[in-house]
Amino acid sequence: MFTKIAVRAGVKAPKIAMPALLVKLYGRVGSLLTAITGKPADVTYPLAQIACDDFLYSAQKAVNELGLPQTPIEVAIDDAIGWFRQHGYLPK
């Protein structure tokens, strides 16, 4: 996923994969600091869990039963990058 995002954003993809244990530890520290200071952390433990654990879902039931259209992931990535750039979170 990070490679697809990097390609669409025109930047280099991350080269080093972080071990899940380290990411989750960082998330726990972030959650602890949020609890102490009240300021939101960049990474919290729940976010680290989502990033590390296999949370895979399928929209196939919605497609089959409701005719829900599916948008390619590249379109969603482009839309998100455009929004982040428009709001100053990424350089233009």
PDB file of N, CA and C in Angstrom:
ATOM      1  N   MET A   1       0.821  -1.190   0.000  1.00  0.00           N
ATOM      2  CA  MET A   1       0.000   0.000   0.000  1.00  0.00           C
ATOM      3  C   MET A   1       0.866   1.255   0.000  1.00  0.00           C
ATOM      4  N   PHE A   2       1.928   1.253   0.804  1.00  0.00           N
ATOM      5  CA  PHE A   2       2.783   2.438   0.865  1.00  0.00           C
ATOM      6  C   PHE A   2       3.442   2.710  -0.488  1.00  0.00           C
ATOM      7  N   THR A   3       3.760   1.651  -1.225  1.00  0.00           N
ATOM      8  CA  THR A   3       4.348   1.821  -2.551  1.00  0.00           C
ATOM      9  C   THR A   3       3.350   2.476  -3.495  1.00  0.00           C
ATOM     10  N   LYS A   4       2.093   2.027  -3.473  1.00  0.00           N
ATOM     11  CA  LYS A   4       1.062   2.631  -4.327  1.00  0.00           C
ATOM     12  C   LYS A   4       0.879   4.111  -3.986  1.00  0.00           C
ATOM     13  N   ILE A   5       0.845   4.419  -2.702  1.00  0.00           N
ATOM     14  CA  ILE A   5       0.677   5.814  -2.284  1.00  0.00           C
ATOM     15  C   ILE A   5       1.865   6.645  -2.742  1.00  0.00           C
ATOM     16  N   ALA A   6       3.076   6.128  -2.559  1.00  0.00           N
ATOM     17  CA  ALA A   6       4.278   6.866  -2.946  1.00  0.00           C
ATOM     18  C   ALA A   6       4.300   7.132  -4.450  1.00  0.00           C
ATOM     19  N   VAL A   7       3.943   6.136  -5.238  1.00  0.00           N
ATOM     20  CA  VAL A   7       3.920   6.312  -6.689  1.00  0.00           C
ATOM     21  C   VAL A   7       2.924   7.399  -7.078  1.00  0.00           C
ATOM     22  N   ARG A   8       1.732   7.357  -6.519  1.00  0.00           N
ATOM     23  CA  ARG A   8       0.687   8.335  -6.849  1.00  0.00           C
ATOM     24  C   ARG A   8       1.072   9.740  -6.369  1.00  0.00           C
ATOM     25  N   ALA A   9       1.804   9.825  -5.251  1.00  0.00           N
ATOM     26  CA  ALA A   9       2.208  11.130  -4.703  1.00  0.00           C
ATOM     27  C   ALA A   9       3.492  11.648  -5.345  1.00  0.00           C
ATOM     28  N   GLY A  10       4.184  10.781  -6.083  1.00  0.00           N
ATOM     29  CA  GLY A  10       5.428  11.201  -6.719  1.00  0.00           C
ATOM     30  C   GLY A  10       6.586  11.321  -5.756  1.00  0.00           C
ATOM     31  N   VAL A  11       6.585  10.493  -4.718  1.00  0.00           N
ATOM     32  CA  VAL A  11       7.677  10.491  -3.740  1.00  0.00           C
ATOM     33  C   VAL A  11       8.234   9.072  -3.623  1.00  0.00           C
ATOM     34  N   LYS A  12       9.342   8.928  -2.913  1.00  0.00           N
ATOM     35  CA  LYS A  12       9.939   7.610  -2.712  1.00  0.00           C
ATOM     36  C   LYS A  12       9.169   6.843  -1.635  1.00  0.00           C
ATOM     37  N   ALA A  13       9.006   5.562  -1.872  1.00  0.00           N
ATOM     38  CA  ALA A  13       8.349   4.696  -0.891  1.00  0.00           C
ATOM     39  C   ALA A  13       9.311   4.418   0.260  1.00  0.00           C
ATOM     40  N   PRO A  14       8.771   4.125   1.449  1.00  0.00           N
ATOM     41  CA  PRO A  14       9.651   3.756   2.564  1.00  0.00           C
ATOM     42  C   PRO A  14      10.508   2.549   2.189  1.00  0.00           C
ATOM     43  N   LYS A  15      11.750   2.565   2.617  1.00  0.00           N
ATOM     44  CA  LYS A  15      12.673   1.479   2.271  1.00  0.00           C
ATOM     45  C   LYS A  15      12.806   0.453   3.390  1.00  0.00           C
ATOM     46  N   ILE A  16      12.548   0.867   4.609  1.00  0.00           N
ATOM     47  CA  ILE A  16      12.745  -0.020   5.759  1.00  0.00           C
ATOM     48  C   ILE A  16      11.387  -0.348   6.367  1.00  0.00           C
ATOM     49  N   ALA A  17      11.122  -1.629   6.490  1.00  0.00           N
ATOM     50  CA  ALA A  17       9.893  -2.057   7.156  1.00  0.00           C
ATOM     51  C   ALA A  17      10.149  -2.094   8.658  1.00  0.00           C
ATOM     52  N   MET A  18       9.276  -1.478   9.409  1.00  0.00           N
ATOM     53  CA  MET A  18       9.421  -1.469  10.865  1.00  0.00           C
ATOM     54  C   MET A  18       8.797  -2.744  11.441  1.00  0.00           C
ATOM     55  N   PRO A  19       9.475  -3.381  12.376  1.00  0.00           N
ATOM     56  CA  PRO A  19       8.885  -4.559  13.009  1.00  0.00           C
ATOM     57  C   PRO A  19       7.603  -4.170  13.759  1.00  0.00           C
ATOM     58  N   ALA A  20       6.610  -5.043  13.695  1.00  0.00           N
ATOM     59  CA  ALA A  20       5.313  -4.768  14.328  1.00  0.00           C
ATOM     60  C   ALA A  20       5.475  -4.465  15.812  1.00  0.00           C
ATOM     61  N   LEU A  21       6.354  -5.180  16.484  1.00  0.00           N
ATOM     62  CA  LEU A  21       6.567  -4.957  17.917  1.00  0.00           C
ATOM     63  C   LEU A  21       7.007  -3.521  18.186  1.00  0.00           C
ATOM     64  N   LEU A  22       7.911  -3.009  17.369  1.00  0.00           N
ATOM     65  CA  LEU A  22       8.404  -1.641  17.540  1.00  0.00           C
ATOM     66  C   LEU A  22       7.297  -0.618  17.253  1.00  0.00           C
ATOM     67  N   VAL A  23       6.514  -0.859  16.227  1.00  0.00           N
ATOM     68  CA  VAL A  23       5.419   0.061  15.881  1.00  0.00           C
ATOM     69  C   VAL A  23       4.390   0.095  17.012  1.00  0.00           C
ATOM     70  N   LYS A  24       4.047  -1.072  17.546  1.00  0.00           N
ATOM     71  CA  LYS A  24       3.059  -1.135  18.627  1.00  0.00           C
ATOM     72  C   LYS A  24       3.604  -0.496  19.907  1.00  0.00           C
ATOM     73  N   LEU A  25       4.892  -0.674  20.179  1.00  0.00           N
ATOM     74  CA  LEU A  25       5.503  -0.029  21.335  1.00  0.00           C
ATOM     75  C   LEU A  25       5.442   1.489  21.187  1.00  0.00           C
ATOM     76  N   TYR A  26       5.751   1.978  19.997  1.00  0.00           N
ATOM     77  CA  TYR A  26       5.669   3.413  19.719  1.00  0.00           C
ATOM     78  C   TYR A  26       4.235   3.901  19.916  1.00  0.00           C
ATOM     79  N   GLY A  27       3.270   3.103  19.476  1.00  0.00           N
ATOM     80  CA  GLY A  27       1.861   3.447  19.652  1.00  0.00           C
ATOM     81  C   GLY A  27       1.464   3.506  21.110  1.00  0.00           C
ATOM     82  N   ARG A  28       1.964   2.578  21.914  1.00  0.00           N
ATOM     83  CA  ARG A  28       1.661   2.603  23.353  1.00  0.00           C
ATOM     84  C   ARG A  28       2.220   3.856  24.005  1.00  0.00           C
ATOM     85  N   VAL A  29       3.435   4.224  23.613  1.00  0.00           N
ATOM     86  CA  VAL A  29       4.037   5.451  24.153  1.00  0.00           C
ATOM     87  C   VAL A  29       3.198   6.657  23.731  1.00  0.00           C
ATOM     88  N   GLY A  30       2.772   6.686  22.476  1.00  0.00           N
ATOM     89  CA  GLY A  30       1.931   7.781  22.003  1.00  0.00           C
ATOM     90  C   GLY A  30       0.622   7.873  22.767  1.00  0.00           C
ATOM     91  N   SER A  31      -0.017   6.716  23.013  1.00  0.00           N
ATOM     92  CA  SER A  31      -1.266   6.707  23.778  1.00  0.00           C
ATOM     93  C   SER A  31      -1.046   7.183  25.204  1.00  0.00           C
ATOM     94  N   LEU A  32       0.066   6.770  25.802  1.00  0.00           N
ATOM     95  CA  LEU A  32       0.388   7.190  27.169  1.00  0.00           C
ATOM     96  C   LEU A  32       0.610   8.699  27.230  1.00  0.00           C
ATOM     97  N   LEU A  33       1.366   9.229  26.273  1.00  0.00           N
ATOM     98  CA  LEU A  33       1.615  10.677  26.254  1.00  0.00           C
ATOM     99  C   LEU A  33       0.318  11.457  26.027  1.00  0.00           C
ATOM    100  N   THR A  34      -0.575  10.917  25.198  1.00  0.00           N
ATOM    101  CA  THR A  34      -1.871  11.565  24.981  1.00  0.00           C
ATOM    102  C   THR A  34      -2.671  11.598  26.277  1.00  0.00           C
ATOM    103  N   ALA A  35      -2.647  10.497  27.009  1.00  0.00           N
ATOM    104  CA  ALA A  35      -3.382  10.430  28.277  1.00  0.00           C
ATOM    105  C   ALA A  35      -2.808  11.411  29.303  1.00  0.00           C
ATOM    106  N   ILE A  36      -1.503  11.599  29.294  1.00  0.00           N
ATOM    107  CA  ILE A  36      -0.855  12.475  30.275  1.00  0.00           C
ATOM    108  C   ILE A  36      -1.015  13.949  29.895  1.00  0.00           C
ATOM    109  N   THR A  37      -0.746  14.266  28.626  1.00  0.00           N
ATOM    110  CA  THR A  37      -0.717  15.671  28.214  1.00  0.00           C
ATOM    111  C   THR A  37      -2.040  16.169  27.630  1.00  0.00           C
ATOM    112  N   GLY A  38      -2.855  15.248  27.152  1.00  0.00           N
ATOM    113  CA  GLY A  38      -4.096  15.647  26.502  1.00  0.00           C
ATOM    114  C   GLY A  38      -3.913  16.071  25.057  1.00  0.00           C
ATOM    115  N   LYS A  39      -2.675  16.069  24.587  1.00  0.00           N
ATOM    116  CA  LYS A  39      -2.389  16.427  23.196  1.00  0.00           C
ATOM    117  C   LYS A  39      -2.383  15.157  22.349  1.00  0.00           C
ATOM    118  N   PRO A  40      -2.999  15.204  21.170  1.00  0.00           N
ATOM    119  CA  PRO A  40      -3.051  14.001  20.337  1.00  0.00           C
ATOM    120  C   PRO A  40      -1.663  13.588  19.842  1.00  0.00           C
ATOM    121  N   ALA A  41      -1.417  12.295  19.850  1.00  0.00           N
ATOM    122  CA  ALA A  41      -0.144  11.760  19.368  1.00  0.00           C
ATOM    123  C   ALA A  41      -0.249  11.467  17.878  1.00  0.00           C
ATOM    124  N   ASP A  42       0.885  11.428  17.204  1.00  0.00           N
ATOM    125  CA  ASP A  42       0.898  11.063  15.791  1.00  0.00           C
ATOM    126  C   ASP A  42       0.450   9.612  15.607  1.00  0.00           C
ATOM    127  N   VAL A  43       0.894   8.752  16.510  1.00  0.00           N
ATOM    128  CA  VAL A  43       0.547   7.331  16.453  1.00  0.00           C
ATOM    129  C   VAL A  43       0.097   6.893  17.834  1.00  0.00           C
ATOM    130  N   THR A  44      -1.083   6.318  17.902  1.00  0.00           N
ATOM    131  CA  THR A  44      -1.599   5.755  19.145  1.00  0.00           C
ATOM    132  C   THR A  44      -1.599   4.242  19.021  1.00  0.00           C
ATOM    133  N   TYR A  45      -1.821   3.564  20.142  1.00  0.00           N
ATOM    134  CA  TYR A  45      -1.799   2.112  20.098  1.00  0.00           C
ATOM    135  C   TYR A  45      -2.873   1.535  19.170  1.00  0.00           C
ATOM    136  N   PRO A  46      -4.119   2.029  19.214  1.00  0.00           N
ATOM    137  CA  PRO A  46      -5.106   1.482  18.270  1.00  0.00           C
ATOM    138  C   PRO A  46      -4.696   1.670  16.804  1.00  0.00           C
ATOM    139  N   LEU A  47      -4.100   2.803  16.477  1.00  0.00           N
ATOM    140  CA  LEU A  47      -3.647   3.039  15.111  1.00  0.00           C
ATOM    141  C   LEU A  47      -2.505   2.077  14.756  1.00  0.00           C
ATOM    142  N   ALA A  48      -1.599   1.849  15.701  1.00  0.00           N
ATOM    143  CA  ALA A  48      -0.501   0.904  15.476  1.00  0.00           C
ATOM    144  C   ALA A  48      -1.037  -0.507  15.255  1.00  0.00           C
ATOM    145  N   GLN A  49      -2.055  -0.885  16.002  1.00  0.00           N
ATOM    146  CA  GLN A  49      -2.662  -2.200  15.814  1.00  0.00           C
ATOM    147  C   GLN A  49      -3.235  -2.336  14.410  1.00  0.00           C
ATOM    148  N   ILE A  50      -3.942  -1.319  13.961  1.00  0.00           N
ATOM    149  CA  ILE A  50      -4.533  -1.353  12.625  1.00  0.00           C
ATOM    150  C   ILE A  50      -3.434  -1.475  11.573  1.00  0.00           C
ATOM    151  N   ALA A  51      -2.339  -0.771  11.771  1.00  0.00           N
ATOM    152  CA  ALA A  51      -1.248  -0.795  10.803  1.00  0.00           C
ATOM    153  C   ALA A  51      -0.520  -2.139  10.789  1.00  0.00           C
ATOM    154  N   CYS A  52      -0.496  -2.819  11.917  1.00  0.00           N
ATOM    155  CA  CYS A  52       0.307  -4.038  12.030  1.00  0.00           C
ATOM    156  C   CYS A  52      -0.490  -5.328  11.872  1.00  0.00           C
ATOM    157  N   ASP A  53      -1.708  -5.333  12.315  1.00  0.00           N
ATOM    158  CA  ASP A  53      -2.494  -6.555  12.297  1.00  0.00           C
ATOM    159  C   ASP A  53      -3.275  -6.646  10.990  1.00  0.00           C
ATOM    160  N   ASP A  54      -3.656  -7.839  10.650  1.00  0.00           N
ATOM    161  CA  ASP A  54      -4.379  -8.054   9.394  1.00  0.00           C
ATOM    162  C   ASP A  54      -5.866  -7.787   9.577  1.00  0.00           C
ATOM    163  N   PHE A  55      -6.254  -6.543   9.350  1.00  0.00           N
ATOM    164  CA  PHE A  55      -7.663  -6.164   9.363  1.00  0.00           C
ATOM    165  C   PHE A  55      -8.100  -6.058   7.906  1.00  0.00           C
ATOM    166  N   LEU A  56      -8.577  -7.142   7.369  1.00  0.00           N
ATOM    167  CA  LEU A  56      -8.984  -7.162   5.969  1.00  0.00           C
ATOM    168  C   LEU A  56     -10.491  -7.330   5.885  1.00  0.00           C
ATOM    169  N   TYR A  57     -11.104  -6.491   5.089  1.00  0.00           N
ATOM    170  CA  TYR A  57     -12.546  -6.533   4.916  1.00  0.00           C
ATOM    171  C   TYR A  57     -12.859  -6.573   3.434  1.00  0.00           C
ATOM    172  N   SER A  58     -14.001  -7.107   3.115  1.00  0.00           N
ATOM    173  CA  SER A  58     -14.435  -7.176   1.736  1.00  0.00           C
ATOM    174  C   SER A  58     -15.779  -6.465   1.593  1.00  0.00           C
ATOM    175  N   ALA A  59     -15.925  -5.767   0.479  1.00  0.00           N
ATOM    176  CA  ALA A  59     -17.185  -5.092   0.180  1.00  0.00           C
ATOM    177  C   ALA A  59     -18.058  -5.958  -0.738  1.00  0.00           C
ATOM    178  N   GLN A  60     -17.659  -7.203  -0.930  1.00  0.00           N
ATOM    179  CA  GLN A  60     -18.349  -8.059  -1.888  1.00  0.00           C
ATOM    180  C   GLN A  60     -19.834  -8.225  -1.583  1.00  0.00           C
ATOM    181  N   LYS A  61     -20.204  -8.322  -0.319  1.00  0.00           N
ATOM    182  CA  LYS A  61     -21.620  -8.470   0.030  1.00  0.00           C
ATOM    183  C   LYS A  61     -22.403  -7.227  -0.394  1.00  0.00           C
ATOM    184  N   ALA A  62     -21.840  -6.044  -0.162  1.00  0.00           N
ATOM    185  CA  ALA A  62     -22.500  -4.805  -0.568  1.00  0.00           C
ATOM    186  C   ALA A  62     -22.596  -4.717  -2.088  1.00  0.00           C
ATOM    187  N   VAL A  63     -21.588  -5.201  -2.774  1.00  0.00           N
ATOM    188  CA  VAL A  63     -21.618  -5.211  -4.241  1.00  0.00           C
ATOM    189  C   VAL A  63     -22.719  -6.148  -4.719  1.00  0.00           C
ATOM    190  N   ASN A  64     -22.749  -7.352  -4.147  1.00  0.00           N
ATOM    191  CA  ASN A  64     -23.722  -8.360  -4.583  1.00  0.00           C
ATOM    192  C   ASN A  64     -25.157  -7.964  -4.251  1.00  0.00           C
ATOM    193  N   GLU A  65     -25.392  -7.503  -3.043  1.00  0.00           N
ATOM    194  CA  GLU A  65     -26.760  -7.263  -2.591  1.00  0.00           C
ATOM    195  C   GLU A  65     -27.283  -5.864  -2.898  1.00  0.00           C
ATOM    196  N   LEU A  66     -26.396  -4.887  -2.942  1.00  0.00           N
ATOM    197  CA  LEU A  66     -26.832  -3.508  -3.136  1.00  0.00           C
ATOM    198  C   LEU A  66     -26.369  -2.898  -4.449  1.00  0.00           C
ATOM    199  N   GLY A  67     -25.513  -3.611  -5.155  1.00  0.00           N
ATOM    200  CA  GLY A  67     -24.974  -3.066  -6.394  1.00  0.00           C
ATOM    201  C   GLY A  67     -24.024  -1.908  -6.145  1.00  0.00           C
ATOM    202  N   LEU A  68     -23.393  -1.887  -4.979  1.00  0.00           N
ATOM    203  CA  LEU A  68     -22.479  -0.805  -4.617  1.00  0.00           C
ATOM    204  C   LEU A  68     -21.314  -0.748  -5.604  1.00  0.00           C
ATOM    205  N   PRO A  69     -21.106   0.385  -6.233  1.00  0.00           N
ATOM    206  CA  PRO A  69     -19.982   0.471  -7.182  1.00  0.00           C
ATOM    207  C   PRO A  69     -18.651   0.476  -6.432  1.00  0.00           C
ATOM    208  N   GLN A  70     -17.642  -0.057  -7.049  1.00  0.00           N
ATOM    209  CA  GLN A  70     -16.312  -0.085  -6.464  1.00  0.00           C
ATOM    210  C   GLN A  70     -15.389   0.850  -7.224  1.00  0.00           C
ATOM    211  N   THR A  71     -14.698   1.686  -6.495  1.00  0.00           N
ATOM    212  CA  THR A  71     -13.746   2.618  -7.076  1.00  0.00           C
ATOM    213  C   THR A  71     -12.349   2.032  -6.919  1.00  0.00           C
ATOM    214  N   PRO A  72     -11.531   2.067  -7.947  1.00  0.00           N
ATOM    215  CA  PRO A  72     -10.158   1.573  -7.814  1.00  0.00           C
ATOM    216  C   PRO A  72      -9.409   2.334  -6.721  1.00  0.00           C
ATOM    217  N   ILE A  73      -8.545   1.634  -6.016  1.00  0.00           N
ATOM    218  CA  ILE A  73      -7.802   2.229  -4.893  1.00  0.00           C
ATOM    219  C   ILE A  73      -6.974   3.426  -5.364  1.00  0.00           C
ATOM    220  N   GLU A  74      -6.491   3.395  -6.598  1.00  0.00           N
ATOM    221  CA  GLU A  74      -5.692   4.507  -7.113  1.00  0.00           C
ATOM    222  C   GLU A  74      -6.504   5.806  -7.155  1.00  0.00           C
ATOM    223  N   VAL A  75      -7.780   5.715  -7.465  1.00  0.00           N
ATOM    224  CA  VAL A  75      -8.646   6.906  -7.479  1.00  0.00           C
ATOM    225  C   VAL A  75      -8.788   7.459  -6.068  1.00  0.00           C
ATOM    226  N   ALA A  76      -8.984   6.577  -5.103  1.00  0.00           N
ATOM    227  CA  ALA A  76      -9.104   7.016  -3.711  1.00  0.00           C
ATOM    228  C   ALA A  76      -7.810   7.660  -3.220  1.00  0.00           C
ATOM    229  N   ILE A  77      -6.683   7.071  -3.584  1.00  0.00           N
ATOM    230  CA  ILE A  77      -5.386   7.635  -3.189  1.00  0.00           C
ATOM    231  C   ILE A  77      -5.211   9.030  -3.811  1.00  0.00           C
ATOM    232  N   ASP A  78      -5.526   9.156  -5.107  1.00  0.00           N
ATOM    233  CA  ASP A  78      -5.414  10.465  -5.781  1.00  0.00           C
ATOM    234  C   ASP A  78      -6.310  11.506  -5.114  1.00  0.00           C
ATOM    235  N   ASP A  79      -7.537  11.116  -4.778  1.00  0.00           N
ATOM    236  CA  ASP A  79      -8.461  12.038  -4.107  1.00  0.00           C
ATOM    237  C   ASP A  79      -7.906  12.482  -2.757  1.00  0.00           C
ATOM    238  N   ALA A  80      -7.368  11.535  -1.996  1.00  0.00           N
ATOM    239  CA  ALA A  80      -6.824  11.853  -0.668  1.00  0.00           C
ATOM    240  C   ALA A  80      -5.608  12.775  -0.794  1.00  0.00           C
ATOM    241  N   ILE A  81      -4.711  12.467  -1.711  1.00  0.00           N
ATOM    242  CA  ILE A  81      -3.525  13.305  -1.904  1.00  0.00           C
ATOM    243  C   ILE A  81      -3.938  14.722  -2.316  1.00  0.00           C
ATOM    244  N   GLY A  82      -4.920  14.817  -3.204  1.00  0.00           N
ATOM    245  CA  GLY A  82      -5.414  16.132  -3.615  1.00  0.00           C
ATOM    246  C   GLY A  82      -5.967  16.916  -2.445  1.00  0.00           C
ATOM    247  N   TRP A  83      -6.725  16.237  -1.583  1.00  0.00           N
ATOM    248  CA  TRP A  83      -7.293  16.909  -0.418  1.00  0.00           C
ATOM    249  C   TRP A  83      -6.190  17.371   0.520  1.00  0.00           C
ATOM    250  N   PHE A  84      -5.207  16.507   0.791  1.00  0.00           N
ATOM    251  CA  PHE A  84      -4.105  16.883   1.685  1.00  0.00           C
ATOM    252  C   PHE A  84      -3.326  18.066   1.117  1.00  0.00           C
ATOM    253  N   ARG A  85      -3.105  18.086  -0.187  1.00  0.00           N
ATOM    254  CA  ARG A  85      -2.395  19.210  -0.810  1.00  0.00           C
ATOM    255  C   ARG A  85      -3.228  20.481  -0.750  1.00  0.00           C
ATOM    256  N   GLN A  86      -4.513  20.368  -1.021  1.00  0.00           N
ATOM    257  CA  GLN A  86      -5.407  21.530  -1.011  1.00  0.00           C
ATOM    258  C   GLN A  86      -5.457  22.174   0.372  1.00  0.00           C
ATOM    259  N   HIS A  87      -5.355  21.367   1.412  1.00  0.00           N
ATOM    260  CA  HIS A  87      -5.451  21.874   2.781  1.00  0.00           C
ATOM    261  C   HIS A  87      -4.099  22.100   3.451  1.00  0.00           C
ATOM    262  N   GLY A  88      -3.032  22.026   2.665  1.00  0.00           N
ATOM    263  CA  GLY A  88      -1.709  22.383   3.172  1.00  0.00           C
ATOM    264  C   GLY A  88      -0.989  21.313   3.956  1.00  0.00           C
ATOM    265  N   TYR A  89      -1.466  20.088   3.919  1.00  0.00           N
ATOM    266  CA  TYR A  89      -0.789  19.002   4.636  1.00  0.00           C
ATOM    267  C   TYR A  89       0.346  18.401   3.828  1.00  0.00           C
ATOM    268  N   LEU A  90       0.314  18.589   2.515  1.00  0.00           N
ATOM    269  CA  LEU A  90       1.377  18.136   1.613  1.00  0.00           C
ATOM    270  C   LEU A  90       1.725  19.289   0.688  1.00  0.00           C
ATOM    271  N   PRO A  91       2.983  19.355   0.263  1.00  0.00           N
ATOM    272  CA  PRO A  91       3.346  20.420  -0.686  1.00  0.00           C
ATOM    273  C   PRO A  91       2.692  20.177  -2.038  1.00  0.00           C
ATOM    274  N   LYS A  92       2.438  21.273  -2.762  1.00  0.00           N
ATOM    275  CA  LYS A  92       1.779  21.167  -4.068  1.00  0.00           C
ATOM    276  C   LYS A  92       2.720  20.829  -5.143  1.00  0.00           C
TER     277      LYS A  92
END
